Each structure stands twice: as structure tokens, then as C-alpha cells.
Amino acid sequence: MATDRNYIQIFLEGLELYGVRVRPMMGEYVVYCNDKVVGDVCDNKLFVKITPESKALLPSAPELPPYAGAKPYLLVEDMGDMQFVAHLLQRVAEGLPAPKSRKKK
């Protein structure tokens, strides 16, 4: 089941102010924060990369693959507090290395 467009619109409401954006990918969405990949939205669920920061903020979150063949991510079960979600995504982005620049062919 692919993620619903309405879900993504609701997800992005207010989060764009925090540098959060999404990019469609095979019916689902990759989540970026400050130009770093921080997670995925699959089947109307938010999954974030497992980092020390995300584990500290979501200590009891289940570790599940967002899609078949993917490595485990943390499932964000409570999407009711978007300020917390914004803080979580920012903290995950802060803990990740800067993206490598790609060489043009």
C-alpha cells in the first residue's frame, strides 16, 4: 500500500519551517531535514534512521524495516505532537554526517 497524498500534506504542514521536506520514491517518500536523509514515510507511517539521538528520544520505539529488504528504522508511533516530530527530525539530522557532493559526469 502506498502512502496517501493527503497524509503527506498533513505531515508537511508546519514542518517545512524546520527544514523538513519529502521526495517521492516508488510510491513512498524519503524525508529530508536540512538536506540530510533522516527517514522514510511508508504506508502512512514515519520511520526515522536509528542514531544515538533518535534512540534517546524514542527509547521504546519498535525497530522495523520501512519496506521489504530495507534495514531497520525506528517507527514513530505518536504523530500527534508535530513539534516533537520536528525536534526529532532536527536532532537526527544533526547527528548525521554532511551529505557527500556528487561528481557530475
N, C-alpha and C. Protein backbone atom coordinates (compact mmCIF):
# COMPACT_ATOMS: atom_id res chain seq x y z
N MET A 1 0.84 -1.18 0.00
CA MET A 1 0.00 0.00 0.00
C MET A 1 0.88 1.24 0.00
N ALA A 2 0.64 2.16 -0.90
CA ALA A 2 1.43 3.38 -1.00
C ALA A 2 0.91 4.43 -0.02
N THR A 3 1.76 5.37 0.30
CA THR A 3 1.38 6.46 1.19
C THR A 3 0.41 7.40 0.50
N ASP A 4 -0.62 7.81 1.21
CA ASP A 4 -1.66 8.69 0.71
C ASP A 4 -1.13 10.13 0.59
N ARG A 5 -1.46 10.81 -0.49
CA ARG A 5 -1.01 12.20 -0.70
C ARG A 5 -1.53 13.12 0.41
N ASN A 6 -2.74 12.89 0.88
CA ASN A 6 -3.28 13.71 1.97
C ASN A 6 -2.45 13.56 3.24
N TYR A 7 -1.97 12.35 3.50
CA TYR A 7 -1.13 12.12 4.68
C TYR A 7 0.14 12.95 4.59
N ILE A 8 0.76 12.97 3.40
CA ILE A 8 1.99 13.73 3.23
C ILE A 8 1.74 15.22 3.40
N GLN A 9 0.63 15.73 2.87
CA GLN A 9 0.31 17.14 3.03
C GLN A 9 0.14 17.50 4.50
N ILE A 10 -0.55 16.66 5.24
CA ILE A 10 -0.73 16.90 6.68
C ILE A 10 0.61 16.80 7.39
N PHE A 11 1.42 15.81 7.00
CA PHE A 11 2.75 15.62 7.60
C PHE A 11 3.61 16.87 7.42
N LEU A 12 3.56 17.46 6.23
CA LEU A 12 4.43 18.60 5.94
C LEU A 12 3.93 19.92 6.51
N GLU A 13 2.65 19.99 6.88
CA GLU A 13 2.12 21.23 7.44
C GLU A 13 2.93 21.65 8.67
N GLY A 14 3.55 22.77 8.58
CA GLY A 14 4.33 23.29 9.69
C GLY A 14 5.75 22.76 9.78
N LEU A 15 6.01 21.58 9.22
CA LEU A 15 7.37 21.02 9.31
C LEU A 15 8.33 21.67 8.33
N GLU A 16 7.80 22.26 7.25
CA GLU A 16 8.67 22.91 6.28
C GLU A 16 9.44 24.06 6.91
N LEU A 17 8.87 24.67 7.94
CA LEU A 17 9.55 25.74 8.65
C LEU A 17 10.81 25.25 9.35
N TYR A 18 10.88 23.96 9.61
CA TYR A 18 12.03 23.37 10.30
C TYR A 18 13.02 22.73 9.34
N GLY A 19 12.89 23.01 8.06
CA GLY A 19 13.82 22.45 7.08
C GLY A 19 13.48 21.03 6.67
N VAL A 20 12.24 20.60 6.90
CA VAL A 20 11.82 19.25 6.55
C VAL A 20 11.14 19.28 5.19
N ARG A 21 11.52 18.35 4.33
CA ARG A 21 10.87 18.19 3.04
C ARG A 21 10.84 16.71 2.70
N VAL A 22 10.03 16.36 1.73
CA VAL A 22 9.96 14.97 1.30
C VAL A 22 10.18 14.91 -0.21
N ARG A 23 10.59 13.73 -0.64
CA ARG A 23 10.79 13.48 -2.06
C ARG A 23 10.14 12.14 -2.38
N PRO A 24 9.27 12.11 -3.40
CA PRO A 24 8.62 10.84 -3.72
C PRO A 24 9.62 9.82 -4.25
N MET A 25 9.41 8.57 -3.84
CA MET A 25 10.30 7.49 -4.25
C MET A 25 9.49 6.20 -4.30
N MET A 26 9.16 5.74 -5.49
CA MET A 26 8.46 4.47 -5.72
C MET A 26 7.17 4.34 -4.90
N GLY A 27 6.34 5.38 -4.90
CA GLY A 27 5.07 5.32 -4.20
C GLY A 27 5.15 5.69 -2.74
N GLU A 28 6.34 5.85 -2.23
CA GLU A 28 6.54 6.25 -0.84
C GLU A 28 7.35 7.55 -0.85
N TYR A 29 7.86 7.98 0.31
CA TYR A 29 8.55 9.26 0.39
C TYR A 29 9.81 9.14 1.25
N VAL A 30 10.87 9.81 0.81
CA VAL A 30 12.09 9.94 1.59
C VAL A 30 11.99 11.28 2.31
N VAL A 31 12.34 11.30 3.60
CA VAL A 31 12.23 12.51 4.41
C VAL A 31 13.62 13.12 4.59
N TYR A 32 13.71 14.41 4.29
CA TYR A 32 14.95 15.16 4.44
C TYR A 32 14.76 16.22 5.51
N CYS A 33 15.79 16.48 6.26
CA CYS A 33 15.82 17.60 7.19
C CYS A 33 17.18 18.27 7.02
N ASN A 34 17.16 19.53 6.69
CA ASN A 34 18.40 20.27 6.43
C ASN A 34 19.26 19.55 5.40
N ASP A 35 18.61 19.07 4.35
CA ASP A 35 19.25 18.39 3.21
C ASP A 35 19.94 17.08 3.56
N LYS A 36 19.57 16.48 4.67
CA LYS A 36 20.08 15.16 5.05
C LYS A 36 18.91 14.18 5.10
N VAL A 37 19.12 12.97 4.61
CA VAL A 37 18.08 11.94 4.67
C VAL A 37 17.96 11.48 6.12
N VAL A 38 16.77 11.67 6.70
CA VAL A 38 16.57 11.31 8.10
C VAL A 38 15.57 10.17 8.27
N GLY A 39 14.83 9.84 7.21
CA GLY A 39 13.86 8.76 7.34
C GLY A 39 13.03 8.56 6.10
N ASP A 40 11.97 7.79 6.27
CA ASP A 40 11.04 7.47 5.19
C ASP A 40 9.62 7.55 5.72
N VAL A 41 8.69 7.85 4.81
CA VAL A 41 7.27 7.70 5.09
C VAL A 41 6.79 6.59 4.18
N CYS A 42 6.38 5.48 4.78
CA CYS A 42 5.91 4.32 4.04
C CYS A 42 4.61 3.84 4.66
N ASP A 43 3.63 3.56 3.82
CA ASP A 43 2.32 3.08 4.30
C ASP A 43 1.73 4.00 5.36
N ASN A 44 1.87 5.30 5.15
CA ASN A 44 1.35 6.32 6.08
C ASN A 44 1.95 6.21 7.48
N LYS A 45 3.20 5.80 7.55
CA LYS A 45 3.92 5.71 8.83
C LYS A 45 5.28 6.36 8.66
N LEU A 46 5.74 7.06 9.70
CA LEU A 46 7.05 7.70 9.69
C LEU A 46 8.08 6.78 10.32
N PHE A 47 9.16 6.55 9.60
CA PHE A 47 10.30 5.78 10.08
C PHE A 47 11.51 6.70 10.07
N VAL A 48 12.28 6.73 11.17
CA VAL A 48 13.49 7.55 11.23
C VAL A 48 14.71 6.66 11.38
N LYS A 49 15.84 7.18 10.88
CA LYS A 49 17.09 6.44 10.98
C LYS A 49 17.43 6.20 12.45
N ILE A 50 18.07 5.09 12.70
CA ILE A 50 18.50 4.77 14.06
C ILE A 50 19.84 5.45 14.31
N THR A 51 19.83 6.41 15.21
CA THR A 51 21.03 7.13 15.63
C THR A 51 20.98 7.23 17.15
N PRO A 52 22.08 7.61 17.78
CA PRO A 52 22.02 7.80 19.23
C PRO A 52 20.95 8.83 19.63
N GLU A 53 20.78 9.85 18.80
CA GLU A 53 19.79 10.89 19.10
C GLU A 53 18.35 10.34 19.00
N SER A 54 18.08 9.57 17.96
CA SER A 54 16.72 9.03 17.81
C SER A 54 16.43 7.98 18.88
N LYS A 55 17.42 7.17 19.25
CA LYS A 55 17.22 6.18 20.32
C LYS A 55 16.95 6.87 21.66
N ALA A 56 17.62 8.01 21.90
CA ALA A 56 17.40 8.74 23.16
C ALA A 56 16.00 9.34 23.21
N LEU A 57 15.50 9.82 22.08
CA LEU A 57 14.18 10.45 22.06
C LEU A 57 13.05 9.44 21.92
N LEU A 58 13.34 8.26 21.36
CA LEU A 58 12.33 7.20 21.18
C LEU A 58 12.86 5.89 21.75
N PRO A 59 13.08 5.82 23.07
CA PRO A 59 13.74 4.64 23.64
C PRO A 59 12.97 3.32 23.49
N SER A 60 11.65 3.40 23.38
CA SER A 60 10.88 2.15 23.29
C SER A 60 10.25 1.94 21.91
N ALA A 61 10.68 2.73 20.93
CA ALA A 61 10.11 2.60 19.58
C ALA A 61 10.54 1.28 18.95
N PRO A 62 9.62 0.63 18.23
CA PRO A 62 9.99 -0.62 17.55
C PRO A 62 10.94 -0.35 16.38
N GLU A 63 11.87 -1.27 16.19
CA GLU A 63 12.80 -1.20 15.06
C GLU A 63 12.25 -2.10 13.96
N LEU A 64 11.83 -1.48 12.86
CA LEU A 64 11.21 -2.21 11.76
C LEU A 64 11.75 -1.70 10.44
N PRO A 65 11.80 -2.55 9.42
CA PRO A 65 12.16 -2.04 8.10
C PRO A 65 10.96 -1.31 7.50
N PRO A 66 11.17 -0.14 6.89
CA PRO A 66 10.05 0.59 6.31
C PRO A 66 9.46 -0.09 5.07
N TYR A 67 10.26 -0.91 4.41
CA TYR A 67 9.80 -1.66 3.23
C TYR A 67 10.64 -2.92 3.14
N ALA A 68 10.19 -3.87 2.36
CA ALA A 68 10.88 -5.16 2.24
C ALA A 68 12.31 -4.96 1.74
N GLY A 69 13.24 -5.57 2.44
CA GLY A 69 14.64 -5.51 2.06
C GLY A 69 15.41 -4.33 2.65
N ALA A 70 14.74 -3.45 3.38
CA ALA A 70 15.40 -2.29 3.99
C ALA A 70 15.96 -2.66 5.35
N LYS A 71 16.97 -1.90 5.78
CA LYS A 71 17.46 -2.10 7.14
C LYS A 71 16.47 -1.48 8.11
N PRO A 72 16.50 -1.88 9.38
CA PRO A 72 15.53 -1.38 10.35
C PRO A 72 15.68 0.12 10.61
N TYR A 73 14.56 0.76 10.82
CA TYR A 73 14.45 2.15 11.24
C TYR A 73 13.57 2.16 12.48
N LEU A 74 13.50 3.29 13.16
CA LEU A 74 12.59 3.42 14.30
C LEU A 74 11.24 3.91 13.80
N LEU A 75 10.18 3.24 14.22
CA LEU A 75 8.83 3.63 13.86
C LEU A 75 8.36 4.70 14.84
N VAL A 76 7.93 5.84 14.32
CA VAL A 76 7.38 6.91 15.14
C VAL A 76 5.89 6.64 15.26
N GLU A 77 5.48 6.17 16.43
CA GLU A 77 4.09 5.76 16.61
C GLU A 77 3.15 6.92 16.94
N ASP A 78 3.65 7.94 17.63
CA ASP A 78 2.80 9.06 18.03
C ASP A 78 3.10 10.26 17.13
N MET A 79 2.21 10.52 16.19
CA MET A 79 2.37 11.65 15.27
C MET A 79 1.50 12.83 15.69
N GLY A 80 0.95 12.79 16.90
CA GLY A 80 0.06 13.85 17.36
C GLY A 80 0.78 15.14 17.72
N ASP A 81 2.02 15.06 18.16
CA ASP A 81 2.78 16.23 18.57
C ASP A 81 3.80 16.56 17.49
N MET A 82 3.42 17.44 16.56
CA MET A 82 4.30 17.75 15.44
C MET A 82 5.53 18.54 15.87
N GLN A 83 5.47 19.26 16.99
CA GLN A 83 6.67 19.94 17.48
C GLN A 83 7.71 18.91 17.91
N PHE A 84 7.26 17.83 18.54
CA PHE A 84 8.18 16.76 18.92
C PHE A 84 8.76 16.10 17.67
N VAL A 85 7.92 15.87 16.66
CA VAL A 85 8.40 15.24 15.42
C VAL A 85 9.44 16.14 14.76
N ALA A 86 9.19 17.45 14.72
CA ALA A 86 10.15 18.39 14.14
C ALA A 86 11.47 18.35 14.92
N HIS A 87 11.38 18.34 16.25
CA HIS A 87 12.58 18.27 17.09
C HIS A 87 13.33 16.97 16.83
N LEU A 88 12.61 15.87 16.75
CA LEU A 88 13.22 14.57 16.49
C LEU A 88 13.97 14.58 15.16
N LEU A 89 13.32 15.06 14.11
CA LEU A 89 13.97 15.07 12.79
C LEU A 89 15.19 15.98 12.77
N GLN A 90 15.11 17.11 13.46
CA GLN A 90 16.27 18.01 13.54
C GLN A 90 17.43 17.35 14.28
N ARG A 91 17.13 16.69 15.39
CA ARG A 91 18.19 16.03 16.17
C ARG A 91 18.84 14.90 15.37
N VAL A 92 18.03 14.13 14.63
CA VAL A 92 18.59 13.06 13.80
C VAL A 92 19.50 13.68 12.74
N ALA A 93 19.06 14.75 12.10
CA ALA A 93 19.87 15.42 11.07
C ALA A 93 21.19 15.93 11.65
N GLU A 94 21.14 16.48 12.87
CA GLU A 94 22.36 16.99 13.50
C GLU A 94 23.37 15.88 13.74
N GLY A 95 22.90 14.67 14.00
CA GLY A 95 23.79 13.55 14.29
C GLY A 95 24.33 12.85 13.06
N LEU A 96 23.86 13.23 11.88
CA LEU A 96 24.32 12.58 10.65
C LEU A 96 25.41 13.40 9.98
N PRO A 97 26.32 12.75 9.26
CA PRO A 97 27.36 13.50 8.55
C PRO A 97 26.76 14.30 7.39
N ALA A 98 27.48 15.31 6.96
CA ALA A 98 27.03 16.11 5.82
C ALA A 98 26.98 15.23 4.58
N PRO A 99 26.01 15.47 3.71
CA PRO A 99 25.92 14.65 2.51
C PRO A 99 27.13 14.89 1.61
N LYS A 100 27.58 13.83 0.97
CA LYS A 100 28.71 13.94 0.06
C LYS A 100 28.25 14.58 -1.24
N SER A 101 29.09 15.45 -1.78
CA SER A 101 28.72 16.05 -3.04
C SER A 101 28.99 15.06 -4.18
N ARG A 102 28.07 15.03 -5.12
CA ARG A 102 28.20 14.10 -6.22
C ARG A 102 28.96 14.75 -7.37
N LYS A 103 29.81 13.96 -7.99
CA LYS A 103 30.55 14.45 -9.14
C LYS A 103 29.66 14.34 -10.37
N LYS A 104 29.66 15.40 -11.16
CA LYS A 104 28.87 15.38 -12.39
C LYS A 104 29.66 14.63 -13.47
N LYS A 105 28.90 13.89 -14.27
CA LYS A 105 29.55 13.12 -15.34
C LYS A 105 29.78 13.97 -16.56
